[in-house]
Amino acid sequence: MRVVAWPDPVIDKLGYDPRSLYVEKFWLGILGPTSTWWLRRIAAAFDEHPDGFDFDVDVMARSLGLGGRAGRHSPFQRAITRCVRFGVARHVDSSKMAVRRRIPPLPRRHLVQLPPPLQESHRVWTLAAQRGPTLDETRRRARRLAVHLLEAGEAAAVVELELIRYRVHPAVAHEATVWATKAVGEVAGDAVGGAAGDAVGDRVDDASRSTTVVTPDLRAGIGNRPRASDASPSPDRRRLVEVPPPSGS
């Protein structure tokens, strides 16, 4: 099966990453666990292959703990059908699908299907989102941290763990690591010495911005996330990762 991105200028700007807490908390009960996990796998694959990619249906189904492709009513095919029904994926042809990279805010017709406590949580989330700051600064800071760590010689897998250790949300940490790895590799071929860091820094500032907001639940998830190690960072590492908070925070 071939998968390509389903571009939408509005939802791509206002929607949520399939790996976000919003999708897990509010969309999971609507889409179902298999559909949600499939969307997360697709989102991760888009990070590596933004122009699209192929996947084996049987392998994907088994990796999600389901049977193979046998029949249109198999558990995995039903999960795909749910994604199409709820407008987060669509069939282009018999062997190709378009999938959204961002999931839209939950429509009211689906919101009323959630338990009352979740409906109230969504109301609070929405109010906080209207008042809260965007993720622009958080994403830029995470990218700069990732660049510094990569230039200090850390492997990409270590960089992502380090960002999480320093209380960066996992989805932001992953995106920042992927971006920084690509940017550092591209700039290294054109810049010499210290100029490479400056060039990558310029790319961080010029990167496209999202209007996704930091909600109370997201702040709590970042602030309460356990560290990967109880050991304090070395003085050199502390110098790399400690950056001043955004103005106004």
C-alpha atoms as a PDB file:
ATOM      1  CA  MET A   1       0.000   0.000   0.000  1.00  0.00           C
ATOM      2  CA  ARG A   2       1.280   3.447  -0.942  1.00  0.00           C
ATOM      3  CA  VAL A   3       0.701   6.298   1.534  1.00  0.00           C
ATOM      4  CA  VAL A   4       1.029   9.998   0.724  1.00  0.00           C
ATOM      5  CA  ALA A   5       0.281  13.094   2.778  1.00  0.00           C
ATOM      6  CA  TRP A   6      -3.172  14.644   2.572  1.00  0.00           C
ATOM      7  CA  PRO A   7      -2.432  18.387   2.500  1.00  0.00           C
ATOM      8  CA  ASP A   8      -4.919  20.794   4.008  1.00  0.00           C
ATOM      9  CA  PRO A   9      -3.744  24.370   4.693  1.00  0.00           C
ATOM     10  CA  VAL A  10      -6.221  24.878   7.530  1.00  0.00           C
ATOM     11  CA  ILE A  11      -5.891  21.562   9.374  1.00  0.00           C
ATOM     12  CA  ASP A  12      -2.130  21.435   8.820  1.00  0.00           C
ATOM     13  CA  LYS A  13      -1.984  24.757  10.668  1.00  0.00           C
ATOM     14  CA  LEU A  14      -4.554  24.202  13.420  1.00  0.00           C
ATOM     15  CA  GLY A  15      -4.542  20.420  13.847  1.00  0.00           C
ATOM     16  CA  TYR A  16      -2.676  18.108  16.199  1.00  0.00           C
ATOM     17  CA  ASP A  17       0.117  15.627  15.653  1.00  0.00           C
ATOM     18  CA  PRO A  18      -1.313  12.057  15.795  1.00  0.00           C
ATOM     19  CA  ARG A  19       1.227  11.337  18.561  1.00  0.00           C
ATOM     20  CA  SER A  20       0.034  14.252  20.686  1.00  0.00           C
ATOM     21  CA  LEU A  21      -1.707  14.073  24.034  1.00  0.00           C
ATOM     22  CA  TYR A  22      -4.772  15.753  22.502  1.00  0.00           C
ATOM     23  CA  VAL A  23      -5.303  12.914  20.022  1.00  0.00           C
ATOM     24  CA  GLU A  24      -4.685  10.265  22.669  1.00  0.00           C
ATOM     25  CA  LYS A  25      -7.055  11.889  25.127  1.00  0.00           C
ATOM     26  CA  PHE A  26      -9.932  12.960  22.900  1.00  0.00           C
ATOM     27  CA  TRP A  27      -9.725  11.168  19.541  1.00  0.00           C
ATOM     28  CA  LEU A  28      -8.801   7.717  20.861  1.00  0.00           C
ATOM     29  CA  GLY A  29     -12.331   6.944  22.020  1.00  0.00           C
ATOM     30  CA  ILE A  30     -13.707   7.935  18.624  1.00  0.00           C
ATOM     31  CA  LEU A  31     -11.144   6.369  16.281  1.00  0.00           C
ATOM     32  CA  GLY A  32     -10.384   3.336  18.425  1.00  0.00           C
ATOM     33  CA  PRO A  33      -6.941   2.131  19.557  1.00  0.00           C
ATOM     34  CA  THR A  34      -5.903   0.368  16.342  1.00  0.00           C
ATOM     35  CA  SER A  35      -6.734   3.341  14.132  1.00  0.00           C
ATOM     36  CA  THR A  36      -4.932   5.695  16.507  1.00  0.00           C
ATOM     37  CA  TRP A  37      -1.805   3.542  16.625  1.00  0.00           C
ATOM     38  CA  TRP A  38      -1.821   3.215  12.846  1.00  0.00           C
ATOM     39  CA  LEU A  39      -1.982   6.996  12.476  1.00  0.00           C
ATOM     40  CA  ARG A  40       0.964   7.298  14.865  1.00  0.00           C
ATOM     41  CA  ARG A  41       2.983   4.832  12.811  1.00  0.00           C
ATOM     42  CA  ILE A  42       2.120   6.765   9.655  1.00  0.00           C
ATOM     43  CA  ALA A  43       3.121  10.080  11.277  1.00  0.00           C
ATOM     44  CA  ALA A  44       6.499   8.629  12.289  1.00  0.00           C
ATOM     45  CA  ALA A  45       7.035   7.315   8.756  1.00  0.00           C
ATOM     46  CA  PHE A  46       6.204  10.746   7.297  1.00  0.00           C
ATOM     47  CA  ASP A  47       9.013  12.202   9.421  1.00  0.00           C
ATOM     48  CA  GLU A  48      11.448  10.048   7.467  1.00  0.00           C
ATOM     49  CA  HIS A  49       9.612  10.012   4.120  1.00  0.00           C
ATOM     50  CA  PRO A  50       7.598  13.238   3.734  1.00  0.00           C
ATOM     51  CA  ASP A  51       6.914  12.554   0.034  1.00  0.00           C
ATOM     52  CA  GLY A  52       5.241   9.227   0.783  1.00  0.00           C
ATOM     53  CA  PHE A  53       6.179   5.613   1.336  1.00  0.00           C
ATOM     54  CA  ASP A  54       5.008   2.039   0.842  1.00  0.00           C
ATOM     55  CA  PHE A  55       4.066  -0.403   3.579  1.00  0.00           C
ATOM     56  CA  ASP A  56       3.145  -4.051   3.619  1.00  0.00           C
ATOM     57  CA  VAL A  57      -0.402  -4.421   4.940  1.00  0.00           C
ATOM     58  CA  ASP A  58       0.265  -7.825   6.492  1.00  0.00           C
ATOM     59  CA  VAL A  59       3.436  -6.639   8.240  1.00  0.00           C
ATOM     60  CA  MET A  60       1.762  -3.475   9.498  1.00  0.00           C
ATOM     61  CA  ALA A  61      -1.240  -5.408  10.813  1.00  0.00           C
ATOM     62  CA  ARG A  62       0.930  -7.910  12.643  1.00  0.00           C
ATOM     63  CA  SER A  63       3.108  -5.163  14.095  1.00  0.00           C
ATOM     64  CA  LEU A  64      -0.069  -3.730  15.668  1.00  0.00           C
ATOM     65  CA  GLY A  65      -0.971  -7.104  17.165  1.00  0.00           C
ATOM     66  CA  LEU A  66      -3.584  -7.986  14.534  1.00  0.00           C
ATOM     67  CA  GLY A  67      -3.958 -10.652  11.892  1.00  0.00           C
ATOM     68  CA  GLY A  68      -3.065 -10.225   8.260  1.00  0.00           C
ATOM     69  CA  ARG A  69      -4.933  -8.772   5.349  1.00  0.00           C
ATOM     70  CA  ALA A  70      -7.457 -11.601   5.009  1.00  0.00           C
ATOM     71  CA  GLY A  71     -10.711  -9.986   3.933  1.00  0.00           C
ATOM     72  CA  ARG A  72     -12.118  -6.496   3.927  1.00  0.00           C
ATOM     73  CA  HIS A  73     -13.640  -7.141   7.356  1.00  0.00           C
ATOM     74  CA  SER A  74     -10.393  -8.052   9.097  1.00  0.00           C
ATOM     75  CA  PRO A  75      -9.575  -6.003  12.242  1.00  0.00           C
ATOM     76  CA  PHE A  76      -6.864  -4.039  10.454  1.00  0.00           C
ATOM     77  CA  GLN A  77      -9.038  -3.223   7.440  1.00  0.00           C
ATOM     78  CA  ARG A  78     -11.820  -2.122   9.776  1.00  0.00           C
ATOM     79  CA  ALA A  79      -9.371   0.242  11.460  1.00  0.00           C
ATOM     80  CA  ILE A  80      -8.479   1.756   8.070  1.00  0.00           C
ATOM     81  CA  THR A  81     -12.173   2.092   7.278  1.00  0.00           C
ATOM     82  CA  ARG A  82     -12.694   4.008  10.538  1.00  0.00           C
ATOM     83  CA  CYS A  83      -9.915   6.429   9.596  1.00  0.00           C
ATOM     84  CA  VAL A  84     -11.645   7.052   6.275  1.00  0.00           C
ATOM     85  CA  ARG A  85     -15.060   7.400   7.914  1.00  0.00           C
ATOM     86  CA  PHE A  86     -13.810  10.030  10.340  1.00  0.00           C
ATOM     87  CA  GLY A  87     -12.003  12.019   7.682  1.00  0.00           C
ATOM     88  CA  VAL A  88      -8.365  11.486   8.658  1.00  0.00           C
ATOM     89  CA  ALA A  89      -7.542   9.313   5.635  1.00  0.00           C
ATOM     90  CA  ARG A  90      -8.975   8.700   2.179  1.00  0.00           C
ATOM     91  CA  HIS A  91      -8.500   6.228  -0.643  1.00  0.00           C
ATOM     92  CA  VAL A  92      -6.832   7.657  -3.741  1.00  0.00           C
ATOM     93  CA  ASP A  93      -7.126   4.387  -5.622  1.00  0.00           C
ATOM     94  CA  SER A  94      -7.069   0.681  -4.833  1.00  0.00           C
ATOM     95  CA  SER A  95      -3.386   0.724  -3.822  1.00  0.00           C
ATOM     96  CA  LYS A  96      -2.877   4.267  -2.578  1.00  0.00           C
ATOM     97  CA  MET A  97      -4.100   6.256   0.422  1.00  0.00           C
ATOM     98  CA  ALA A  98      -3.781   9.885   1.478  1.00  0.00           C
ATOM     99  CA  VAL A  99      -3.438  10.386   5.246  1.00  0.00           C
ATOM    100  CA  ARG A 100      -3.539  13.608   7.216  1.00  0.00           C
ATOM    101  CA  ARG A 101      -0.310  14.601   8.956  1.00  0.00           C
ATOM    102  CA  ARG A 102      -2.338  16.610  11.473  1.00  0.00           C
ATOM    103  CA  ILE A 103      -5.602  15.561  13.108  1.00  0.00           C
ATOM    104  CA  PRO A 104      -8.294  18.281  13.289  1.00  0.00           C
ATOM    105  CA  PRO A 105      -9.820  19.471  16.558  1.00  0.00           C
ATOM    106  CA  LEU A 106     -12.599  17.131  17.622  1.00  0.00           C
ATOM    107  CA  PRO A 107     -15.932  18.212  16.047  1.00  0.00           C
ATOM    108  CA  ARG A 108     -18.861  18.701  18.382  1.00  0.00           C
ATOM    109  CA  ARG A 109     -20.783  15.795  16.834  1.00  0.00           C
ATOM    110  CA  HIS A 110     -18.002  13.479  18.053  1.00  0.00           C
ATOM    111  CA  LEU A 111     -17.348  15.362  21.272  1.00  0.00           C
ATOM    112  CA  VAL A 112     -20.852  14.600  22.576  1.00  0.00           C
ATOM    113  CA  GLN A 113     -20.072  10.876  22.268  1.00  0.00           C
ATOM    114  CA  LEU A 114     -17.322  11.126  24.893  1.00  0.00           C
ATOM    115  CA  PRO A 115     -17.995  10.574  28.609  1.00  0.00           C
ATOM    116  CA  PRO A 116     -19.004  13.773  30.454  1.00  0.00           C
ATOM    117  CA  PRO A 117     -15.657  14.067  32.312  1.00  0.00           C
ATOM    118  CA  LEU A 118     -13.795  14.033  28.992  1.00  0.00           C
ATOM    119  CA  GLN A 119     -16.193  16.578  27.527  1.00  0.00           C
ATOM    120  CA  GLU A 120     -15.438  18.874  30.442  1.00  0.00           C
ATOM    121  CA  SER A 121     -11.707  18.244  30.060  1.00  0.00           C
ATOM    122  CA  HIS A 122     -11.996  19.182  26.396  1.00  0.00           C
ATOM    123  CA  ARG A 123     -13.810  22.409  27.315  1.00  0.00           C
ATOM    124  CA  VAL A 124     -11.023  23.348  29.736  1.00  0.00           C
ATOM    125  CA  TRP A 125      -8.401  22.382  27.150  1.00  0.00           C
ATOM    126  CA  THR A 126     -10.047  24.567  24.513  1.00  0.00           C
ATOM    127  CA  LEU A 127     -10.245  27.578  26.827  1.00  0.00           C
ATOM    128  CA  ALA A 128      -6.586  27.184  27.766  1.00  0.00           C
ATOM    129  CA  ALA A 129      -5.672  26.811  24.106  1.00  0.00           C
ATOM    130  CA  GLN A 130      -7.329  30.120  23.277  1.00  0.00           C
ATOM    131  CA  ARG A 131      -5.244  31.887  25.928  1.00  0.00           C
ATOM    132  CA  GLY A 132      -1.998  29.942  25.898  1.00  0.00           C
ATOM    133  CA  PRO A 133       1.217  30.525  23.935  1.00  0.00           C
ATOM    134  CA  THR A 134       1.987  28.661  20.740  1.00  0.00           C
ATOM    135  CA  LEU A 135       4.513  25.879  20.390  1.00  0.00           C
ATOM    136  CA  ASP A 136       6.677  28.032  18.115  1.00  0.00           C
ATOM    137  CA  GLU A 137       9.177  28.958  20.818  1.00  0.00           C
ATOM    138  CA  THR A 138       9.194  25.467  22.318  1.00  0.00           C
ATOM    139  CA  ARG A 139       9.915  23.929  18.922  1.00  0.00           C
ATOM    140  CA  ARG A 140      12.676  26.422  18.103  1.00  0.00           C
ATOM    141  CA  ARG A 141      14.363  25.903  21.467  1.00  0.00           C
ATOM    142  CA  ALA A 142      14.169  22.110  21.075  1.00  0.00           C
ATOM    143  CA  ARG A 143      15.711  22.329  17.612  1.00  0.00           C
ATOM    144  CA  ARG A 144      18.544  24.517  18.890  1.00  0.00           C
ATOM    145  CA  LEU A 145      19.205  22.088  21.723  1.00  0.00           C
ATOM    146  CA  ALA A 146      19.259  19.190  19.289  1.00  0.00           C
ATOM    147  CA  VAL A 147      21.725  21.028  17.040  1.00  0.00           C
ATOM    148  CA  HIS A 148      24.039  21.793  19.972  1.00  0.00           C
ATOM    149  CA  LEU A 149      24.011  18.176  21.130  1.00  0.00           C
ATOM    150  CA  LEU A 150      24.617  16.800  17.641  1.00  0.00           C
ATOM    151  CA  GLU A 151      27.532  19.198  17.152  1.00  0.00           C
ATOM    152  CA  ALA A 152      28.887  18.036  20.526  1.00  0.00           C
ATOM    153  CA  GLY A 153      29.114  14.534  19.080  1.00  0.00           C
ATOM    154  CA  GLU A 154      25.983  12.879  20.440  1.00  0.00           C
ATOM    155  CA  ALA A 155      24.142  10.276  18.364  1.00  0.00           C
ATOM    156  CA  ALA A 156      20.622  11.120  17.206  1.00  0.00           C
ATOM    157  CA  ALA A 157      19.024   8.498  19.476  1.00  0.00           C
ATOM    158  CA  VAL A 158      20.858   9.973  22.477  1.00  0.00           C
ATOM    159  CA  VAL A 159      19.825  13.504  21.502  1.00  0.00           C
ATOM    160  CA  GLU A 160      16.133  12.593  21.508  1.00  0.00           C
ATOM    161  CA  LEU A 161      16.440  10.985  24.951  1.00  0.00           C
ATOM    162  CA  GLU A 162      18.340  13.999  26.243  1.00  0.00           C
ATOM    163  CA  LEU A 163      15.599  16.355  25.069  1.00  0.00           C
ATOM    164  CA  ILE A 164      12.980  14.249  26.841  1.00  0.00           C
ATOM    165  CA  ARG A 165      15.193  14.191  29.925  1.00  0.00           C
ATOM    166  CA  TYR A 166      15.165  17.965  29.910  1.00  0.00           C
ATOM    167  CA  ARG A 167      11.371  17.952  29.882  1.00  0.00           C
ATOM    168  CA  VAL A 168      10.712  18.443  26.194  1.00  0.00           C
ATOM    169  CA  HIS A 169       7.505  16.696  25.118  1.00  0.00           C
ATOM    170  CA  PRO A 170       8.345  13.404  23.303  1.00  0.00           C
ATOM    171  CA  ALA A 171       6.605  14.425  20.056  1.00  0.00           C
ATOM    172  CA  VAL A 172       8.498  17.733  19.994  1.00  0.00           C
ATOM    173  CA  ALA A 173      11.758  15.988  20.932  1.00  0.00           C
ATOM    174  CA  HIS A 174      11.394  13.529  18.063  1.00  0.00           C
ATOM    175  CA  GLU A 175      10.553  16.214  15.507  1.00  0.00           C
ATOM    176  CA  ALA A 176      13.430  18.413  16.689  1.00  0.00           C
ATOM    177  CA  THR A 177      15.930  15.549  16.490  1.00  0.00           C
ATOM    178  CA  VAL A 178      14.855  14.548  12.984  1.00  0.00           C
ATOM    179  CA  TRP A 179      14.988  18.169  11.819  1.00  0.00           C
ATOM    180  CA  ALA A 180      18.360  18.899  13.421  1.00  0.00           C
ATOM    181  CA  THR A 181      19.963  15.714  12.076  1.00  0.00           C
ATOM    182  CA  LYS A 182      18.946  16.646   8.547  1.00  0.00           C
ATOM    183  CA  ALA A 183      19.901  20.314   8.937  1.00  0.00           C
ATOM    184  CA  VAL A 184      23.322  19.620  10.425  1.00  0.00           C
ATOM    185  CA  GLY A 185      24.074  17.093   7.690  1.00  0.00           C
ATOM    186  CA  GLU A 186      23.080  19.521   4.933  1.00  0.00           C
ATOM    187  CA  VAL A 187      24.927  22.493   6.359  1.00  0.00           C
ATOM    188  CA  ALA A 188      28.097  20.533   7.150  1.00  0.00           C
ATOM    189  CA  GLY A 189      28.774  20.129   3.439  1.00  0.00           C
ATOM    190  CA  ASP A 190      28.546  23.872   2.777  1.00  0.00           C
ATOM    191  CA  ALA A 191      29.878  25.533   5.944  1.00  0.00           C
ATOM    192  CA  VAL A 192      33.324  25.417   7.502  1.00  0.00           C
ATOM    193  CA  GLY A 193      34.115  25.421  11.212  1.00  0.00           C
ATOM    194  CA  GLY A 194      31.895  27.584  13.413  1.00  0.00           C
ATOM    195  CA  ALA A 195      29.941  28.874  10.432  1.00  0.00           C
ATOM    196  CA  ALA A 196      28.010  25.615  10.361  1.00  0.00           C
ATOM    197  CA  GLY A 197      26.409  26.301  13.739  1.00  0.00           C
ATOM    198  CA  ASP A 198      25.411  29.799  12.669  1.00  0.00           C
ATOM    199  CA  ALA A 199      23.923  28.505   9.431  1.00  0.00           C
ATOM    200  CA  VAL A 200      21.859  25.891  11.249  1.00  0.00           C
ATOM    201  CA  GLY A 201      20.751  28.514  13.755  1.00  0.00           C
ATOM    202  CA  ASP A 202      19.459  30.626  10.899  1.00  0.00           C
ATOM    203  CA  ARG A 203      17.466  27.654   9.657  1.00  0.00           C
ATOM    204  CA  VAL A 204      15.880  27.240  13.078  1.00  0.00           C
ATOM    205  CA  ASP A 205      14.686  30.844  12.984  1.00  0.00           C
ATOM    206  CA  ASP A 206      13.473  30.550   9.386  1.00  0.00           C
ATOM    207  CA  ALA A 207      11.629  27.244   9.895  1.00  0.00           C
ATOM    208  CA  SER A 208       7.891  27.276   9.351  1.00  0.00           C
ATOM    209  CA  ARG A 209       5.844  27.932  12.477  1.00  0.00           C
ATOM    210  CA  SER A 210       2.839  26.047  13.890  1.00  0.00           C
ATOM    211  CA  THR A 211      -0.073  27.540  15.791  1.00  0.00           C
ATOM    212  CA  THR A 212      -0.507  24.486  17.995  1.00  0.00           C
ATOM    213  CA  VAL A 213      -0.784  25.655  21.593  1.00  0.00           C
ATOM    214  CA  VAL A 214       0.676  24.522  24.897  1.00  0.00           C
ATOM    215  CA  THR A 215      -2.213  23.436  27.094  1.00  0.00           C
ATOM    216  CA  PRO A 216      -2.215  22.796  30.860  1.00  0.00           C
ATOM    217  CA  ASP A 217      -2.163  19.034  30.312  1.00  0.00           C
ATOM    218  CA  LEU A 218       0.818  19.326  27.966  1.00  0.00           C
ATOM    219  CA  ARG A 219       2.680  21.500  30.463  1.00  0.00           C
ATOM    220  CA  ALA A 220       1.968  18.965  33.180  1.00  0.00           C
ATOM    221  CA  GLY A 221       3.147  16.129  30.948  1.00  0.00           C
ATOM    222  CA  ILE A 222       6.401  17.953  30.290  1.00  0.00           C
ATOM    223  CA  GLY A 223       6.990  19.050  33.855  1.00  0.00           C
ATOM    224  CA  ASN A 224       6.235  15.695  35.465  1.00  0.00           C
ATOM    225  CA  ARG A 225       7.978  13.432  32.982  1.00  0.00           C
ATOM    226  CA  PRO A 226      10.628  11.307  34.761  1.00  0.00           C
ATOM    227  CA  ARG A 227      14.200  11.894  33.764  1.00  0.00           C
ATOM    228  CA  ALA A 228      16.095   9.208  31.866  1.00  0.00           C
ATOM    229  CA  SER A 229      18.735   9.213  34.596  1.00  0.00           C
ATOM    230  CA  ASP A 230      18.996  10.518  38.131  1.00  0.00           C
ATOM    231  CA  ALA A 231      22.546  11.630  37.478  1.00  0.00           C
ATOM    232  CA  SER A 232      23.110  15.363  37.101  1.00  0.00           C
ATOM    233  CA  PRO A 233      24.493  16.509  33.749  1.00  0.00           C
ATOM    234  CA  SER A 234      28.140  17.383  33.587  1.00  0.00           C
ATOM    235  CA  PRO A 235      29.048  21.097  33.688  1.00  0.00           C
ATOM    236  CA  ASP A 236      29.762  21.019  29.959  1.00  0.00           C
ATOM    237  CA  ARG A 237      26.438  19.351  29.207  1.00  0.00           C
ATOM    238  CA  ARG A 238      24.623  21.826  31.455  1.00  0.00           C
ATOM    239  CA  ARG A 239      26.161  24.654  29.499  1.00  0.00           C
ATOM    240  CA  LEU A 240      24.782  23.178  26.284  1.00  0.00           C
ATOM    241  CA  VAL A 241      21.248  22.439  27.372  1.00  0.00           C
ATOM    242  CA  GLU A 242      20.360  25.268  29.718  1.00  0.00           C
ATOM    243  CA  VAL A 243      18.760  28.073  27.736  1.00  0.00           C
ATOM    244  CA  PRO A 244      16.770  31.044  29.029  1.00  0.00           C
ATOM    245  CA  PRO A 245      12.992  30.629  28.963  1.00  0.00           C
ATOM    246  CA  PRO A 246      10.980  32.449  26.298  1.00  0.00           C
ATOM    247  CA  SER A 247      10.212  36.061  27.136  1.00  0.00           C
ATOM    248  CA  GLY A 248       6.946  36.498  28.981  1.00  0.00           C
ATOM    249  CA  SER A 249       6.926  32.968  30.399  1.00  0.00           C
END
